[in-house]
PDB file of N, CA and C in Angstrom:
ATOM      1  N   MET A   1      94.498 226.528  74.305  1.00  0.00           N
ATOM      2  CA  MET A   1      94.311 225.964  72.958  1.00  0.00           C
ATOM      3  C   MET A   1      93.264 224.897  72.947  1.00  0.00           C
ATOM      4  N   ILE A   2      93.285 223.943  73.959  1.00  0.00           N
ATOM      5  CA  ILE A   2      92.219 222.930  73.998  1.00  0.00           C
ATOM      6  C   ILE A   2      90.898 223.568  74.316  1.00  0.00           C
ATOM      7  N   HIS A   3      90.910 224.642  75.152  1.00  0.00           N
ATOM      8  CA  HIS A   3      89.613 225.278  75.454  1.00  0.00           C
ATOM      9  C   HIS A   3      89.010 225.867  74.248  1.00  0.00           C
ATOM     10  N   ASP A   4      89.810 226.377  73.307  1.00  0.00           N
ATOM     11  CA  ASP A   4      89.268 226.917  72.020  1.00  0.00           C
ATOM     12  C   ASP A   4      88.631 225.796  71.196  1.00  0.00           C
ATOM     13  N   TRP A   5      89.191 224.652  71.228  1.00  0.00           N
ATOM     14  CA  TRP A   5      88.596 223.500  70.542  1.00  0.00           C
ATOM     15  C   TRP A   5      87.233 223.176  71.070  1.00  0.00           C
ATOM     16  N   PHE A   6      87.121 223.179  72.419  1.00  0.00           N
ATOM     17  CA  PHE A   6      85.833 222.841  73.031  1.00  0.00           C
ATOM     18  C   PHE A   6      84.791 223.907  72.695  1.00  0.00           C
ATOM     19  N   GLU A   7      85.218 225.148  72.588  1.00  0.00           N
ATOM     20  CA  GLU A   7      84.240 226.186  72.200  1.00  0.00           C
ATOM     21  C   GLU A   7      83.753 226.009  70.753  1.00  0.00           C
ATOM     22  N   GLN A   8      84.618 225.534  69.903  1.00  0.00           N
ATOM     23  CA  GLN A   8      84.249 225.238  68.491  1.00  0.00           C
ATOM     24  C   GLN A   8      83.325 224.069  68.427  1.00  0.00           C
ATOM     25  N   LEU A   9      83.493 223.064  69.304  1.00  0.00           N
ATOM     26  CA  LEU A   9      82.698 221.850  69.251  1.00  0.00           C
ATOM     27  C   LEU A   9      81.360 222.031  69.933  1.00  0.00           C
ATOM     28  N   GLU A  10      81.214 223.073  70.730  1.00  0.00           N
ATOM     29  CA  GLU A  10      79.941 223.239  71.460  1.00  0.00           C
ATOM     30  C   GLU A  10      78.820 223.523  70.492  1.00  0.00           C
ATOM     31  N   LEU A  11      77.610 223.224  70.948  1.00  0.00           N
ATOM     32  CA  LEU A  11      76.389 223.468  70.130  1.00  0.00           C
ATOM     33  C   LEU A  11      76.084 224.928  70.107  1.00  0.00           C
ATOM     34  N   PRO A  12      75.542 225.424  69.052  1.00  0.00           N
ATOM     35  CA  PRO A  12      75.093 226.869  69.001  1.00  0.00           C
ATOM     36  C   PRO A  12      73.984 227.059  70.089  1.00  0.00           C
ATOM     37  N   PRO A  13      73.859 228.232  70.598  1.00  0.00           N
ATOM     38  CA  PRO A  13      72.850 228.488  71.626  1.00  0.00           C
ATOM     39  C   PRO A  13      71.466 228.192  71.167  1.00  0.00           C
ATOM     40  N   GLY A  14      70.681 227.506  71.960  1.00  0.00           N
ATOM     41  CA  GLY A  14      69.300 227.195  71.601  1.00  0.00           C
ATOM     42  C   GLY A  14      69.138 225.956  70.781  1.00  0.00           C
ATOM     43  N   GLU A  15      70.199 225.290  70.371  1.00  0.00           N
ATOM     44  CA  GLU A  15      70.058 224.110  69.546  1.00  0.00           C
ATOM     45  C   GLU A  15      70.056 222.852  70.448  1.00  0.00           C
ATOM     46  N   ASN A  16      69.312 221.900  70.052  1.00  0.00           N
ATOM     47  CA  ASN A  16      69.230 220.603  70.769  1.00  0.00           C
ATOM     48  C   ASN A  16      69.675 219.540  69.802  1.00  0.00           C
ATOM     49  N   PHE A  17      70.720 218.807  70.114  1.00  0.00           N
ATOM     50  CA  PHE A  17      71.266 217.863  69.169  1.00  0.00           C
ATOM     51  C   PHE A  17      70.277 216.676  68.924  1.00  0.00           C
ATOM     52  N   ILE A  18      69.367 216.389  69.806  1.00  0.00           N
ATOM     53  CA  ILE A  18      68.452 215.277  69.558  1.00  0.00           C
ATOM     54  C   ILE A  18      67.422 215.638  68.484  1.00  0.00           C
ATOM     55  N   TYR A  19      66.890 216.845  68.569  1.00  0.00           N
ATOM     56  CA  TYR A  19      65.804 217.252  67.698  1.00  0.00           C
ATOM     57  C   TYR A  19      66.270 218.041  66.521  1.00  0.00           C
ATOM     58  N   SER A  20      67.553 218.199  66.303  1.00  0.00           N
ATOM     59  CA  SER A  20      68.041 218.990  65.205  1.00  0.00           C
ATOM     60  C   SER A  20      68.034 218.143  63.924  1.00  0.00           C
ATOM     61  N   ASP A  21      67.769 218.839  62.760  1.00  0.00           N
ATOM     62  CA  ASP A  21      67.746 218.175  61.532  1.00  0.00           C
ATOM     63  C   ASP A  21      69.142 217.847  61.008  1.00  0.00           C
ATOM     64  N   ASN A  22      70.096 218.598  61.495  1.00  0.00           N
ATOM     65  CA  ASN A  22      71.490 218.483  61.028  1.00  0.00           C
ATOM     66  C   ASN A  22      72.218 217.550  61.967  1.00  0.00           C
ATOM     67  N   SER A  23      72.757 216.489  61.417  1.00  0.00           N
ATOM     68  CA  SER A  23      73.422 215.492  62.256  1.00  0.00           C
ATOM     69  C   SER A  23      74.853 215.957  62.668  1.00  0.00           C
ATOM     70  N   LEU A  24      75.296 217.062  62.096  1.00  0.00           N
ATOM     71  CA  LEU A  24      76.591 217.621  62.444  1.00  0.00           C
ATOM     72  C   LEU A  24      76.613 217.987  63.928  1.00  0.00           C
ATOM     73  N   TYR A  25      75.520 218.474  64.457  1.00  0.00           N
ATOM     74  CA  TYR A  25      75.480 218.842  65.843  1.00  0.00           C
ATOM     75  C   TYR A  25      75.693 217.584  66.722  1.00  0.00           C
ATOM     76  N   PHE A  26      75.028 216.514  66.362  1.00  0.00           N
ATOM     77  CA  PHE A  26      75.181 215.286  67.139  1.00  0.00           C
ATOM     78  C   PHE A  26      76.593 214.717  67.024  1.00  0.00           C
ATOM     79  N   SER A  27      77.210 214.810  65.884  1.00  0.00           N
ATOM     80  CA  SER A  27      78.565 214.284  65.750  1.00  0.00           C
ATOM     81  C   SER A  27      79.564 215.149  66.511  1.00  0.00           C
ATOM     82  N   THR A  28      79.413 216.453  66.462  1.00  0.00           N
ATOM     83  CA  THR A  28      80.322 217.282  67.221  1.00  0.00           C
ATOM     84  C   THR A  28      80.132 217.108  68.698  1.00  0.00           C
ATOM     85  N   PHE A  29      78.882 216.924  69.136  1.00  0.00           N
ATOM     86  CA  PHE A  29      78.581 216.687  70.519  1.00  0.00           C
ATOM     87  C   PHE A  29      79.283 215.389  70.981  1.00  0.00           C
ATOM     88  N   SER A  30      79.140 214.306  70.220  1.00  0.00           N
ATOM     89  CA  SER A  30      79.779 213.037  70.587  1.00  0.00           C
ATOM     90  C   SER A  30      81.268 213.150  70.543  1.00  0.00           C
ATOM     91  N   PHE A  31      81.790 213.885  69.546  1.00  0.00           N
ATOM     92  CA  PHE A  31      83.213 214.092  69.470  1.00  0.00           C
ATOM     93  C   PHE A  31      83.697 214.844  70.675  1.00  0.00           C
ATOM     94  N   SER A  32      82.960 215.811  71.085  1.00  0.00           N
ATOM     95  CA  SER A  32      83.354 216.598  72.313  1.00  0.00           C
ATOM     96  C   SER A  32      83.365 215.733  73.509  1.00  0.00           C
ATOM     97  N   ILE A  33      82.363 214.833  73.668  1.00  0.00           N
ATOM     98  CA  ILE A  33      82.314 213.935  74.794  1.00  0.00           C
ATOM     99  C   ILE A  33      83.565 212.998  74.781  1.00  0.00           C
ATOM    100  N   LEU A  34      83.856 212.426  73.616  1.00  0.00           N
ATOM    101  CA  LEU A  34      84.980 211.509  73.516  1.00  0.00           C
ATOM    102  C   LEU A  34      86.278 212.255  73.822  1.00  0.00           C
ATOM    103  N   LEU A  35      86.390 213.467  73.337  1.00  0.00           N
ATOM    104  CA  LEU A  35      87.586 214.250  73.611  1.00  0.00           C
ATOM    105  C   LEU A  35      87.750 214.570  75.087  1.00  0.00           C
ATOM    106  N   HIS A  36      86.658 214.914  75.749  1.00  0.00           N
ATOM    107  CA  HIS A  36      86.698 215.119  77.196  1.00  0.00           C
ATOM    108  C   HIS A  36      87.138 213.823  77.891  1.00  0.00           C
ATOM    109  N   LEU A  37      86.542 212.720  77.501  1.00  0.00           N
ATOM    110  CA  LEU A  37      86.851 211.468  78.165  1.00  0.00           C
ATOM    111  C   LEU A  37      88.336 211.093  77.959  1.00  0.00           C
ATOM    112  N   VAL A  38      88.850 211.170  76.794  1.00  0.00           N
ATOM    113  CA  VAL A  38      90.227 210.843  76.531  1.00  0.00           C
ATOM    114  C   VAL A  38      91.171 211.789  77.276  1.00  0.00           C
ATOM    115  N   LEU A  39      90.881 213.078  77.262  1.00  0.00           N
ATOM    116  CA  LEU A  39      91.719 213.996  77.961  1.00  0.00           C
ATOM    117  C   LEU A  39      91.657 213.830  79.528  1.00  0.00           C
ATOM    118  N   PHE A  40      90.504 213.399  80.016  1.00  0.00           N
ATOM    119  CA  PHE A  40      90.354 213.080  81.402  1.00  0.00           C
ATOM    120  C   PHE A  40      91.252 211.888  81.763  1.00  0.00           C
ATOM    121  N   LEU A  41      91.186 210.825  80.917  1.00  0.00           N
ATOM    122  CA  LEU A  41      92.004 209.670  81.163  1.00  0.00           C
ATOM    123  C   LEU A  41      93.507 209.994  81.075  1.00  0.00           C
ATOM    124  N   PHE A  42      93.813 210.816  80.038  1.00  0.00           N
ATOM    125  CA  PHE A  42      95.164 211.247  79.884  1.00  0.00           C
ATOM    126  C   PHE A  42      95.680 211.998  81.092  1.00  0.00           C
ATOM    127  N   HIS A  43      94.891 212.858  81.644  1.00  0.00           N
ATOM    128  CA  HIS A  43      95.245 213.623  82.810  1.00  0.00           C
ATOM    129  C   HIS A  43      95.306 212.803  84.057  1.00  0.00           C
ATOM    130  N   SER A  44      94.382 211.820  84.267  1.00  0.00           N
ATOM    131  CA  SER A  44      94.321 211.066  85.454  1.00  0.00           C
ATOM    132  C   SER A  44      95.474 210.041  85.550  1.00  0.00           C
ATOM    133  N   PHE A  45      95.899 209.545  84.430  1.00  0.00           N
ATOM    134  CA  PHE A  45      96.979 208.546  84.444  1.00  0.00           C
ATOM    135  C   PHE A  45      98.352 209.173  84.077  1.00  0.00           C
ATOM    136  N   HIS A  46      98.397 210.463  84.024  1.00  0.00           N
ATOM    137  CA  HIS A  46      99.647 211.125  83.604  1.00  0.00           C
ATOM    138  C   HIS A  46     100.787 210.835  84.559  1.00  0.00           C
ATOM    139  N   CYS A  47     100.530 210.796  85.842  1.00  0.00           N
ATOM    140  CA  CYS A  47     101.590 210.617  86.789  1.00  0.00           C
ATOM    141  C   CYS A  47     102.079 209.117  86.827  1.00  0.00           C
ATOM    142  N   ARG A  48     101.180 208.204  86.593  1.00  0.00           N
ATOM    143  CA  ARG A  48     101.583 206.752  86.761  1.00  0.00           C
ATOM    144  C   ARG A  48     102.184 206.227  85.482  1.00  0.00           C
ATOM    145  N   TYR A  49     101.571 206.532  84.324  1.00  0.00           N
ATOM    146  CA  TYR A  49     102.062 205.932  83.092  1.00  0.00           C
ATOM    147  C   TYR A  49     102.550 207.031  82.175  1.00  0.00           C
ATOM    148  N   THR A  50     103.895 207.025  81.929  1.00  0.00           N
ATOM    149  CA  THR A  50     104.426 208.134  81.170  1.00  0.00           C
ATOM    150  C   THR A  50     104.297 207.917  79.664  1.00  0.00           C
ATOM    151  N   PHE A  51     103.891 206.730  79.205  1.00  0.00           N
ATOM    152  CA  PHE A  51     103.777 206.549  77.804  1.00  0.00           C
ATOM    153  C   PHE A  51     102.603 207.341  77.224  1.00  0.00           C
ATOM    154  N   PHE A  52     101.638 207.734  78.089  1.00  0.00           N
ATOM    155  CA  PHE A  52     100.557 208.632  77.629  1.00  0.00           C
ATOM    156  C   PHE A  52     101.116 209.942  77.157  1.00  0.00           C
ATOM    157  N   VAL A  53     102.199 210.408  77.756  1.00  0.00           N
ATOM    158  CA  VAL A  53     102.821 211.691  77.359  1.00  0.00           C
ATOM    159  C   VAL A  53     103.391 211.594  75.999  1.00  0.00           C
ATOM    160  N   GLN A  54     103.766 210.412  75.522  1.00  0.00           N
ATOM    161  CA  GLN A  54     104.421 210.269  74.261  1.00  0.00           C
ATOM    162  C   GLN A  54     103.446 210.467  73.105  1.00  0.00           C
ATOM    163  N   ILE A  55     102.126 210.367  73.382  1.00  0.00           N
ATOM    164  CA  ILE A  55     101.158 210.533  72.305  1.00  0.00           C
ATOM    165  C   ILE A  55     101.129 211.994  71.868  1.00  0.00           C
ATOM    166  N   SER A  56     101.338 212.246  70.621  1.00  0.00           N
ATOM    167  CA  SER A  56     101.320 213.634  70.119  1.00  0.00           C
ATOM    168  C   SER A  56      99.894 214.109  70.050  1.00  0.00           C
ATOM    169  N   HIS A  57      99.746 215.430  69.910  1.00  0.00           N
ATOM    170  CA  HIS A  57      98.451 216.017  69.922  1.00  0.00           C
ATOM    171  C   HIS A  57      97.723 215.645  68.673  1.00  0.00           C
ATOM    172  N   THR A  58      98.436 215.566  67.500  1.00  0.00           N
ATOM    173  CA  THR A  58      97.813 215.183  66.221  1.00  0.00           C
ATOM    174  C   THR A  58      97.332 213.747  66.285  1.00  0.00           C
ATOM    175  N   HIS A  59      98.102 212.903  66.839  1.00  0.00           N
ATOM    176  CA  HIS A  59      97.717 211.474  66.928  1.00  0.00           C
ATOM    177  C   HIS A  59      96.481 211.311  67.820  1.00  0.00           C
ATOM    178  N   LEU A  60      96.409 212.091  68.888  1.00  0.00           N
ATOM    179  CA  LEU A  60      95.241 212.053  69.783  1.00  0.00           C
ATOM    180  C   LEU A  60      93.974 212.448  69.045  1.00  0.00           C
ATOM    181  N   VAL A  61      94.083 213.532  68.242  1.00  0.00           N
ATOM    182  CA  VAL A  61      92.888 214.007  67.491  1.00  0.00           C
ATOM    183  C   VAL A  61      92.550 213.006  66.451  1.00  0.00           C
ATOM    184  N   LEU A  62      93.479 212.393  65.743  1.00  0.00           N
ATOM    185  CA  LEU A  62      93.199 211.383  64.717  1.00  0.00           C
ATOM    186  C   LEU A  62      92.578 210.157  65.367  1.00  0.00           C
ATOM    187  N   LEU A  63      93.092 209.780  66.534  1.00  0.00           N
ATOM    188  CA  LEU A  63      92.475 208.599  67.231  1.00  0.00           C
ATOM    189  C   LEU A  63      91.017 208.885  67.606  1.00  0.00           C
ATOM    190  N   ILE A  64      90.773 210.048  68.148  1.00  0.00           N
ATOM    191  CA  ILE A  64      89.384 210.344  68.557  1.00  0.00           C
ATOM    192  C   ILE A  64      88.464 210.469  67.315  1.00  0.00           C
ATOM    193  N   SER A  65      89.039 211.032  66.228  1.00  0.00           N
ATOM    194  CA  SER A  65      88.232 211.113  64.982  1.00  0.00           C
ATOM    195  C   SER A  65      87.895 209.754  64.454  1.00  0.00           C
ATOM    196  N   PHE A  66      88.886 208.847  64.498  1.00  0.00           N
ATOM    197  CA  PHE A  66      88.621 207.483  63.993  1.00  0.00           C
ATOM    198  C   PHE A  66      87.610 206.791  64.869  1.00  0.00           C
ATOM    199  N   ILE A  67      87.718 206.879  66.202  1.00  0.00           N
ATOM    200  CA  ILE A  67      86.719 206.256  67.089  1.00  0.00           C
ATOM    201  C   ILE A  67      85.336 206.849  66.875  1.00  0.00           C
ATOM    202  N   SER A  68      85.310 208.122  66.672  1.00  0.00           N
ATOM    203  CA  SER A  68      83.972 208.782  66.400  1.00  0.00           C
ATOM    204  C   SER A  68      83.420 208.272  65.071  1.00  0.00           C
ATOM    205  N   PHE A  69      84.255 208.146  64.076  1.00  0.00           N
ATOM    206  CA  PHE A  69      83.833 207.575  62.756  1.00  0.00           C
ATOM    207  C   PHE A  69      83.275 206.209  62.865  1.00  0.00           C
ATOM    208  N   LEU A  70      84.021 205.321  63.605  1.00  0.00           N
ATOM    209  CA  LEU A  70      83.536 203.967  63.783  1.00  0.00           C
ATOM    210  C   LEU A  70      82.193 203.896  64.565  1.00  0.00           C
ATOM    211  N   PHE A  71      82.068 204.786  65.586  1.00  0.00           N
ATOM    212  CA  PHE A  71      80.840 204.842  66.325  1.00  0.00           C
ATOM    213  C   PHE A  71      79.626 205.205  65.410  1.00  0.00           C
ATOM    214  N   PHE A  72      79.817 206.235  64.595  1.00  0.00           N
ATOM    215  CA  PHE A  72      78.711 206.635  63.755  1.00  0.00           C
ATOM    216  C   PHE A  72      78.458 205.676  62.618  1.00  0.00           C
ATOM    217  N   LEU A  73      79.488 204.957  62.143  1.00  0.00           N
ATOM    218  CA  LEU A  73      79.270 203.933  61.158  1.00  0.00           C
ATOM    219  C   LEU A  73      78.447 202.800  61.738  1.00  0.00           C
ATOM    220  N   VAL A  74      78.771 202.319  62.923  1.00  0.00           N
ATOM    221  CA  VAL A  74      77.999 201.297  63.555  1.00  0.00           C
ATOM    222  C   VAL A  74      76.560 201.784  63.833  1.00  0.00           C
ATOM    223  N   LEU A  75      76.461 202.998  64.349  1.00  0.00           N
ATOM    224  CA  LEU A  75      75.128 203.561  64.599  1.00  0.00           C
ATOM    225  C   LEU A  75      74.278 203.647  63.388  1.00  0.00           C
ATOM    226  N   SER A  76      74.860 204.075  62.270  1.00  0.00           N
ATOM    227  CA  SER A  76      74.063 204.184  61.027  1.00  0.00           C
ATOM    228  C   SER A  76      73.648 202.821  60.533  1.00  0.00           C
ATOM    229  N   LEU A  77      74.583 201.851  60.702  1.00  0.00           N
ATOM    230  CA  LEU A  77      74.164 200.470  60.240  1.00  0.00           C
ATOM    231  C   LEU A  77      73.075 199.901  61.121  1.00  0.00           C
ATOM    232  N   VAL A  78      73.109 200.127  62.373  1.00  0.00           N
ATOM    233  CA  VAL A  78      72.056 199.709  63.242  1.00  0.00           C
ATOM    234  C   VAL A  78      70.702 200.395  62.911  1.00  0.00           C
ATOM    235  N   ILE A  79      70.744 201.637  62.641  1.00  0.00           N
ATOM    236  CA  ILE A  79      69.538 202.367  62.254  1.00  0.00           C
ATOM    237  C   ILE A  79      68.944 201.853  60.967  1.00  0.00           C
ATOM    238  N   VAL A  80      69.806 201.597  59.981  1.00  0.00           N
ATOM    239  CA  VAL A  80      69.338 201.014  58.692  1.00  0.00           C
ATOM    240  C   VAL A  80      68.786 199.670  58.894  1.00  0.00           C
ATOM    241  N   PHE A  81      69.352 198.855  59.742  1.00  0.00           N
ATOM    242  CA  PHE A  81      68.890 197.528  59.996  1.00  0.00           C
ATOM    243  C   PHE A  81      67.543 197.610  60.669  1.00  0.00           C
ATOM    244  N   ILE A  82      67.355 198.483  61.653  1.00  0.00           N
ATOM    245  CA  ILE A  82      66.053 198.639  62.298  1.00  0.00           C
ATOM    246  C   ILE A  82      64.950 199.094  61.364  1.00  0.00           C
ATOM    247  N   ILE A  83      65.312 200.029  60.459  1.00  0.00           N
ATOM    248  CA  ILE A  83      64.348 200.541  59.483  1.00  0.00           C
ATOM    249  C   ILE A  83      63.924 199.423  58.538  1.00  0.00           C
ATOM    250  N   ILE A  84      64.867 198.567  58.133  1.00  0.00           N
ATOM    251  CA  ILE A  84      64.554 197.457  57.239  1.00  0.00           C
ATOM    252  C   ILE A  84      63.646 196.474  57.938  1.00  0.00           C
ATOM    253  N   ILE A  85      63.914 196.162  59.194  1.00  0.00           N
ATOM    254  CA  ILE A  85      63.050 195.248  59.936  1.00  0.00           C
ATOM    255  C   ILE A  85      61.644 195.826  60.108  1.00  0.00           C
ATOM    256  N   LEU A  86      61.525 197.191  60.358  1.00  0.00           N
ATOM    257  CA  LEU A  86      60.233 197.778  60.549  1.00  0.00           C
ATOM    258  C   LEU A  86      59.481 197.747  59.188  1.00  0.00           C
ATOM    259  N   LEU A  87      60.145 198.037  58.092  1.00  0.00           N
ATOM    260  CA  LEU A  87      59.498 197.969  56.847  1.00  0.00           C
ATOM    261  C   LEU A  87      58.991 196.614  56.492  1.00  0.00           C
ATOM    262  N   LEU A  88      59.729 195.571  56.827  1.00  0.00           N
ATOM    263  CA  LEU A  88      59.328 194.219  56.574  1.00  0.00           C
ATOM    264  C   LEU A  88      58.137 193.856  57.430  1.00  0.00           C
ATOM    265  N   ARG A  89      58.105 194.310  58.673  1.00  0.00           N
ATOM    266  CA  ARG A  89      56.964 194.052  59.565  1.00  0.00           C
ATOM    267  C   ARG A  89      55.680 194.789  59.042  1.00  0.00           C
ATOM    268  N   VAL A  90      55.893 196.022  58.617  1.00  0.00           N
ATOM    269  CA  VAL A  90      54.725 196.765  58.088  1.00  0.00           C
ATOM    270  C   VAL A  90      54.185 196.106  56.805  1.00  0.00           C
ATOM    271  N   HIS A  91      55.123 195.622  55.979  1.00  0.00           N
ATOM    272  CA  HIS A  91      54.704 194.942  54.756  1.00  0.00           C
ATOM    273  C   HIS A  91      53.908 193.668  55.067  1.00  0.00           C
ATOM    274  N   SER A  92      54.446 192.873  55.978  1.00  0.00           N
ATOM    275  CA  SER A  92      53.701 191.673  56.303  1.00  0.00           C
ATOM    276  C   SER A  92      52.358 191.966  57.036  1.00  0.00           C
ATOM    277  N   PHE A  93      52.355 192.969  57.855  1.00  0.00           N
ATOM    278  CA  PHE A  93      51.121 193.391  58.479  1.00  0.00           C
ATOM    279  C   PHE A  93      50.053 193.823  57.481  1.00  0.00           C
ATOM    280  N   LEU A  94      50.458 194.674  56.533  1.00  0.00           N
ATOM    281  CA  LEU A  94      49.531 195.116  55.475  1.00  0.00           C
ATOM    282  C   LEU A  94      49.111 193.947  54.600  1.00  0.00           C
ATOM    283  N   TYR A  95      49.969 193.045  54.319  1.00  0.00           N
ATOM    284  CA  TYR A  95      49.664 191.922  53.524  1.00  0.00           C
ATOM    285  C   TYR A  95      48.623 191.045  54.198  1.00  0.00           C
ATOM    286  N   ASN A  96      48.780 190.819  55.495  1.00  0.00           N
ATOM    287  CA  ASN A  96      47.778 190.026  56.261  1.00  0.00           C
ATOM    288  C   ASN A  96      46.470 190.703  56.371  1.00  0.00           C
ATOM    289  N   ILE A  97      46.476 192.018  56.532  1.00  0.00           N
ATOM    290  CA  ILE A  97      45.191 192.725  56.590  1.00  0.00           C
ATOM    291  C   ILE A  97      44.454 192.666  55.215  1.00  0.00           C
ATOM    292  N   LEU A  98      45.191 192.903  54.190  1.00  0.00           N
ATOM    293  CA  LEU A  98      44.558 192.902  52.872  1.00  0.00           C
ATOM    294  C   LEU A  98      44.125 191.524  52.405  1.00  0.00           C
ATOM    295  N   SER A  99      44.784 190.529  52.824  1.00  0.00           N
ATOM    296  CA  SER A  99      44.462 189.191  52.366  1.00  0.00           C
ATOM    297  C   SER A  99      43.334 188.542  53.247  1.00  0.00           C
ATOM    298  N   SER A 100      43.157 189.039  54.438  1.00  0.00           N
ATOM    299  CA  SER A 100      42.208 188.361  55.361  1.00  0.00           C
ATOM    300  C   SER A 100      40.987 189.194  55.631  1.00  0.00           C
ATOM    301  N   SER A 101      40.983 190.406  55.178  1.00  0.00           N
ATOM    302  CA  SER A 101      39.737 191.237  55.485  1.00  0.00           C
ATOM    303  C   SER A 101      38.549 190.720  54.743  1.00  0.00           C
ATOM    304  N   PHE A 102      37.398 190.846  55.270  1.00  0.00           N
ATOM    305  CA  PHE A 102      36.143 190.288  54.687  1.00  0.00           C
ATOM    306  C   PHE A 102      35.772 190.843  53.324  1.00  0.00           C
ATOM    307  N   PRO A 103      35.754 192.191  53.186  1.00  0.00           N
ATOM    308  CA  PRO A 103      35.345 192.741  51.919  1.00  0.00           C
ATOM    309  C   PRO A 103      36.284 192.372  50.782  1.00  0.00           C
ATOM    310  N   LEU A 104      37.581 192.301  51.106  1.00  0.00           N
ATOM    311  CA  LEU A 104      38.516 191.964  50.027  1.00  0.00           C
ATOM    312  C   LEU A 104      38.646 190.485  49.825  1.00  0.00           C
ATOM    313  N   SER A 105      38.258 189.672  50.777  1.00  0.00           N
ATOM    314  CA  SER A 105      38.417 188.237  50.631  1.00  0.00           C
ATOM    315  C   SER A 105      37.453 187.657  49.566  1.00  0.00           C
ATOM    316  N   ILE A 106      36.278 188.322  49.440  1.00  0.00           N
ATOM    317  CA  ILE A 106      35.311 187.830  48.467  1.00  0.00           C
ATOM    318  C   ILE A 106      35.802 187.977  47.042  1.00  0.00           C
ATOM    319  N   PRO A 107      36.309 189.190  46.622  1.00  0.00           N
ATOM    320  CA  PRO A 107      36.851 189.258  45.241  1.00  0.00           C
ATOM    321  C   PRO A 107      38.081 188.395  45.056  1.00  0.00           C
ATOM    322  N   LEU A 108      38.832 188.169  46.107  1.00  0.00           N
ATOM    323  CA  LEU A 108      40.043 187.335  45.906  1.00  0.00           C
ATOM    324  C   LEU A 108      39.598 185.867  45.796  1.00  0.00           C
ATOM    325  N   SER A 109      38.618 185.447  46.488  1.00  0.00           N
ATOM    326  CA  SER A 109      38.160 184.039  46.374  1.00  0.00           C
ATOM    327  C   SER A 109      37.470 183.869  45.010  1.00  0.00           C
ATOM    328  N   LEU A 110      36.702 184.876  44.560  1.00  0.00           N
ATOM    329  CA  LEU A 110      36.142 184.736  43.244  1.00  0.00           C
ATOM    330  C   LEU A 110      37.175 184.707  42.115  1.00  0.00           C
ATOM    331  N   PHE A 111      38.186 185.555  42.341  1.00  0.00           N
ATOM    332  CA  PHE A 111      39.250 185.508  41.315  1.00  0.00           C
ATOM    333  C   PHE A 111      39.950 184.130  41.275  1.00  0.00           C
ATOM    334  N   SER A 112      40.173 183.585  42.427  1.00  0.00           N
ATOM    335  CA  SER A 112      40.847 182.268  42.480  1.00  0.00           C
ATOM    336  C   SER A 112      39.925 181.200  41.930  1.00  0.00           C
ATOM    337  N   TYR A 113      38.607 181.391  42.174  1.00  0.00           N
ATOM    338  CA  TYR A 113      37.659 180.346  41.709  1.00  0.00           C
ATOM    339  C   TYR A 113      37.540 180.434  40.159  1.00  0.00           C
ATOM    340  N   LEU A 114      37.539 181.628  39.610  1.00  0.00           N
ATOM    341  CA  LEU A 114      37.394 181.793  38.187  1.00  0.00           C
ATOM    342  C   LEU A 114      38.658 181.397  37.468  1.00  0.00           C
ATOM    343  N   SER A 115      39.747 181.526  38.087  1.00  0.00           N
ATOM    344  CA  SER A 115      40.998 181.113  37.408  1.00  0.00           C
ATOM    345  C   SER A 115      41.297 179.640  37.680  1.00  0.00           C
TER     346      SER A 115
END
């Protein structure tokens, strides 16, 4: 049953999650990695800590889905923050070029002189 889940979460043949336009591939890839990690931890500590056995299958899937959601929320906020910073830097760079370039500085100085 778990093997069927992994087959559903796998990328289609020939698709690369980094260069794909659809972010669903990246999210299912990350979800698959998280699921593998949690199941590995569950299996490795199964003999020592029996409270891992008490976690139901539905709760495990919900926990992994919530962790994946938080990861992508933080990732999207970081990407938006980086884009805003880049836009502000481009804006200030263009403003500095337009205000200090020689051909444009003459009309600007004339305009300030006339006003």
